[in-house]
Amino acid sequence: MTDKQPEEKQVPLYELLEDVPEDFRIGFKDNDNWSAGVTWHPIGVMCHQAAAKLRRLHEVNAELVEALQGCLVMLERANCSTGYCCCGMRVDTHGFGDGHSPVDEGDYHQSNAVERASAAIAKATGEQQ
């Protein structure tokens, strides 16, 4: 037997938390002595509060992924070349004699942004940990 459900049968955690009766409480003894008293914690209320926050985060995550995917498409298609190397020299007059190969600063930042956005989308959708 496995403790992992097939993906199509998995229930989001916020739905499980919403199923806890809101008036459910759990008691913990205050010391090692039960006669010292019990502190009751409103676990049901806490579960419902956590469920509301998780549901909101789940919805916001989906909206942000969709928005970022749209931005990524535009960013990948954009021409961000500036004509200047990251060192400040013009790319068309830059040579290997300047100590490094020319790297257009716009292309460099575009490439980094595309890479970071792609990684964030993969992480948000569960494709990457």
C-alpha atoms as a PDB file:
ATOM      1  CA  MET A   1       0.000   0.000   0.000  1.00  0.00           C
ATOM      2  CA  THR A   2       1.228   3.473  -0.768  1.00  0.00           C
ATOM      3  CA  ASP A   3       0.422   6.733   0.974  1.00  0.00           C
ATOM      4  CA  LYS A   4       0.446   8.633  -2.316  1.00  0.00           C
ATOM      5  CA  GLN A   5      -2.779   8.957  -4.286  1.00  0.00           C
ATOM      6  CA  PRO A   6      -2.761   8.866  -8.080  1.00  0.00           C
ATOM      7  CA  GLU A   7      -2.480  12.426  -9.363  1.00  0.00           C
ATOM      8  CA  GLU A   8      -6.000  12.470 -10.818  1.00  0.00           C
ATOM      9  CA  LYS A   9      -7.433  11.599  -7.369  1.00  0.00           C
ATOM     10  CA  GLN A  10      -5.371  14.055  -5.322  1.00  0.00           C
ATOM     11  CA  VAL A  11      -7.398  16.626  -3.440  1.00  0.00           C
ATOM     12  CA  PRO A  12      -5.901  20.081  -2.866  1.00  0.00           C
ATOM     13  CA  LEU A  13      -4.848  20.589   0.750  1.00  0.00           C
ATOM     14  CA  TYR A  14      -7.140  23.595   1.161  1.00  0.00           C
ATOM     15  CA  GLU A  15     -10.144  21.365   0.389  1.00  0.00           C
ATOM     16  CA  LEU A  16      -9.072  18.875   3.047  1.00  0.00           C
ATOM     17  CA  LEU A  17      -8.645  21.695   5.568  1.00  0.00           C
ATOM     18  CA  GLU A  18     -12.093  23.051   4.717  1.00  0.00           C
ATOM     19  CA  ASP A  19     -13.581  19.642   5.606  1.00  0.00           C
ATOM     20  CA  VAL A  20     -12.422  19.907   9.234  1.00  0.00           C
ATOM     21  CA  PRO A  21     -15.438  20.941  11.353  1.00  0.00           C
ATOM     22  CA  GLU A  22     -14.998  24.593  12.238  1.00  0.00           C
ATOM     23  CA  ASP A  23     -15.902  23.967  15.891  1.00  0.00           C
ATOM     24  CA  PHE A  24     -13.269  21.195  16.264  1.00  0.00           C
ATOM     25  CA  ARG A  25     -10.896  21.746  19.171  1.00  0.00           C
ATOM     26  CA  ILE A  26      -7.974  19.769  20.539  1.00  0.00           C
ATOM     27  CA  GLY A  27      -6.725  19.816  24.091  1.00  0.00           C
ATOM     28  CA  PHE A  28      -3.169  19.635  25.352  1.00  0.00           C
ATOM     29  CA  LYS A  29      -2.288  19.135  28.961  1.00  0.00           C
ATOM     30  CA  ASP A  30      -0.511  22.146  30.413  1.00  0.00           C
ATOM     31  CA  ASN A  31       2.166  20.137  32.219  1.00  0.00           C
ATOM     32  CA  ASP A  32       2.976  16.487  32.620  1.00  0.00           C
ATOM     33  CA  ASN A  33       0.058  16.394  35.031  1.00  0.00           C
ATOM     34  CA  TRP A  34      -3.454  16.282  33.526  1.00  0.00           C
ATOM     35  CA  SER A  35      -4.885  17.706  36.732  1.00  0.00           C
ATOM     36  CA  ALA A  36      -2.954  20.931  36.118  1.00  0.00           C
ATOM     37  CA  GLY A  37      -5.398  21.695  33.344  1.00  0.00           C
ATOM     38  CA  VAL A  38      -5.876  21.471  29.634  1.00  0.00           C
ATOM     39  CA  THR A  39      -5.465  24.193  27.043  1.00  0.00           C
ATOM     40  CA  TRP A  40      -7.967  23.889  24.213  1.00  0.00           C
ATOM     41  CA  HIS A  41      -6.912  25.029  20.739  1.00  0.00           C
ATOM     42  CA  PRO A  42      -9.465  25.940  18.037  1.00  0.00           C
ATOM     43  CA  ILE A  43      -7.995  23.663  15.384  1.00  0.00           C
ATOM     44  CA  GLY A  44     -11.133  23.864  13.216  1.00  0.00           C
ATOM     45  CA  VAL A  45     -10.963  27.657  13.011  1.00  0.00           C
ATOM     46  CA  MET A  46      -7.225  27.481  12.318  1.00  0.00           C
ATOM     47  CA  CYS A  47      -7.786  24.931   9.525  1.00  0.00           C
ATOM     48  CA  HIS A  48     -10.417  27.135   7.888  1.00  0.00           C
ATOM     49  CA  GLN A  49      -8.135  30.187   8.098  1.00  0.00           C
ATOM     50  CA  ALA A  50      -5.259  28.220   6.576  1.00  0.00           C
ATOM     51  CA  ALA A  51      -7.567  26.858   3.855  1.00  0.00           C
ATOM     52  CA  ALA A  52      -8.658  30.372   2.878  1.00  0.00           C
ATOM     53  CA  LYS A  53      -5.040  31.533   2.636  1.00  0.00           C
ATOM     54  CA  LEU A  54      -3.972  28.451   0.656  1.00  0.00           C
ATOM     55  CA  ARG A  55      -6.920  28.793  -1.740  1.00  0.00           C
ATOM     56  CA  ARG A  56      -6.026  32.461  -2.348  1.00  0.00           C
ATOM     57  CA  LEU A  57      -2.351  31.617  -2.895  1.00  0.00           C
ATOM     58  CA  HIS A  58      -3.309  28.805  -5.293  1.00  0.00           C
ATOM     59  CA  GLU A  59      -5.501  31.181  -7.328  1.00  0.00           C
ATOM     60  CA  VAL A  60      -2.923  33.990  -7.314  1.00  0.00           C
ATOM     61  CA  ASN A  61      -0.180  31.541  -8.334  1.00  0.00           C
ATOM     62  CA  ALA A  62      -2.226  30.438 -11.358  1.00  0.00           C
ATOM     63  CA  GLU A  63      -2.874  34.072 -12.363  1.00  0.00           C
ATOM     64  CA  LEU A  64       0.797  35.009 -11.986  1.00  0.00           C
ATOM     65  CA  VAL A  65       1.937  32.001 -14.031  1.00  0.00           C
ATOM     66  CA  GLU A  66      -0.457  32.932 -16.829  1.00  0.00           C
ATOM     67  CA  ALA A  67       0.679  36.577 -16.786  1.00  0.00           C
ATOM     68  CA  LEU A  68       4.362  35.611 -16.697  1.00  0.00           C
ATOM     69  CA  GLN A  69       3.898  33.182 -19.595  1.00  0.00           C
ATOM     70  CA  GLY A  70       2.483  36.048 -21.666  1.00  0.00           C
ATOM     71  CA  CYS A  71       5.370  38.312 -20.696  1.00  0.00           C
ATOM     72  CA  LEU A  72       7.839  35.552 -21.519  1.00  0.00           C
ATOM     73  CA  VAL A  73       6.452  35.154 -25.042  1.00  0.00           C
ATOM     74  CA  MET A  74       6.809  38.887 -25.641  1.00  0.00           C
ATOM     75  CA  LEU A  75      10.281  39.016 -24.104  1.00  0.00           C
ATOM     76  CA  GLU A  76      11.507  36.104 -26.224  1.00  0.00           C
ATOM     77  CA  ARG A  77      10.304  37.857 -29.394  1.00  0.00           C
ATOM     78  CA  ALA A  78      11.574  41.327 -28.488  1.00  0.00           C
ATOM     79  CA  ASN A  79      14.720  42.820 -29.960  1.00  0.00           C
ATOM     80  CA  CYS A  80      16.570  44.046 -26.897  1.00  0.00           C
ATOM     81  CA  SER A  81      19.938  44.660 -28.534  1.00  0.00           C
ATOM     82  CA  THR A  82      21.465  48.005 -27.607  1.00  0.00           C
ATOM     83  CA  GLY A  83      24.562  47.840 -29.757  1.00  0.00           C
ATOM     84  CA  TYR A  84      26.748  48.261 -26.682  1.00  0.00           C
ATOM     85  CA  CYS A  85      28.793  45.686 -24.835  1.00  0.00           C
ATOM     86  CA  CYS A  86      28.323  45.245 -21.100  1.00  0.00           C
ATOM     87  CA  CYS A  87      31.644  47.070 -20.693  1.00  0.00           C
ATOM     88  CA  GLY A  88      30.247  50.138 -22.465  1.00  0.00           C
ATOM     89  CA  MET A  89      32.024  49.831 -25.817  1.00  0.00           C
ATOM     90  CA  ARG A  90      30.096  49.650 -29.092  1.00  0.00           C
ATOM     91  CA  VAL A  91      29.709  46.009 -30.148  1.00  0.00           C
ATOM     92  CA  ASP A  92      30.526  46.716 -33.806  1.00  0.00           C
ATOM     93  CA  THR A  93      33.967  48.137 -32.954  1.00  0.00           C
ATOM     94  CA  HIS A  94      34.680  45.788 -30.032  1.00  0.00           C
ATOM     95  CA  GLY A  95      37.357  43.169 -30.599  1.00  0.00           C
ATOM     96  CA  PHE A  96      38.976  40.279 -28.802  1.00  0.00           C
ATOM     97  CA  GLY A  97      41.929  42.581 -28.189  1.00  0.00           C
ATOM     98  CA  ASP A  98      39.793  44.410 -25.644  1.00  0.00           C
ATOM     99  CA  GLY A  99      40.214  41.507 -23.211  1.00  0.00           C
ATOM    100  CA  HIS A 100      36.909  39.721 -23.798  1.00  0.00           C
ATOM    101  CA  SER A 101      34.437  38.899 -26.521  1.00  0.00           C
ATOM    102  CA  PRO A 102      31.653  41.474 -26.975  1.00  0.00           C
ATOM    103  CA  VAL A 103      28.349  40.749 -25.256  1.00  0.00           C
ATOM    104  CA  ASP A 104      25.456  43.049 -26.097  1.00  0.00           C
ATOM    105  CA  GLU A 105      24.089  44.290 -22.762  1.00  0.00           C
ATOM    106  CA  GLY A 106      20.455  44.191 -23.927  1.00  0.00           C
ATOM    107  CA  ASP A 107      20.774  40.626 -25.196  1.00  0.00           C
ATOM    108  CA  TYR A 108      22.552  39.649 -21.971  1.00  0.00           C
ATOM    109  CA  HIS A 109      19.796  41.019 -19.724  1.00  0.00           C
ATOM    110  CA  GLN A 110      17.065  39.627 -22.007  1.00  0.00           C
ATOM    111  CA  SER A 111      18.612  36.156 -21.853  1.00  0.00           C
ATOM    112  CA  ASN A 112      18.848  36.309 -18.052  1.00  0.00           C
ATOM    113  CA  ALA A 113      15.237  37.500 -17.726  1.00  0.00           C
ATOM    114  CA  VAL A 114      13.979  34.715 -20.017  1.00  0.00           C
ATOM    115  CA  GLU A 115      15.931  32.124 -18.036  1.00  0.00           C
ATOM    116  CA  ARG A 116      14.645  33.389 -14.671  1.00  0.00           C
ATOM    117  CA  ALA A 117      11.037  33.652 -15.888  1.00  0.00           C
ATOM    118  CA  SER A 118      11.154  30.132 -17.353  1.00  0.00           C
ATOM    119  CA  ALA A 119      12.566  28.752 -14.085  1.00  0.00           C
ATOM    120  CA  ALA A 120       9.896  30.563 -12.043  1.00  0.00           C
ATOM    121  CA  ILE A 121       7.120  29.160 -14.232  1.00  0.00           C
ATOM    122  CA  ALA A 122       8.556  25.646 -13.967  1.00  0.00           C
ATOM    123  CA  LYS A 123       8.770  25.965 -10.173  1.00  0.00           C
ATOM    124  CA  ALA A 124       5.251  27.423  -9.834  1.00  0.00           C
ATOM    125  CA  THR A 125       3.707  24.677 -11.979  1.00  0.00           C
ATOM    126  CA  GLY A 126       5.586  21.864 -10.216  1.00  0.00           C
ATOM    127  CA  GLU A 127       7.791  20.979 -13.176  1.00  0.00           C
ATOM    128  CA  GLN A 128      10.855  21.879 -11.109  1.00  0.00           C
ATOM    129  CA  GLN A 129      11.436  21.718  -7.353  1.00  0.00           C
END
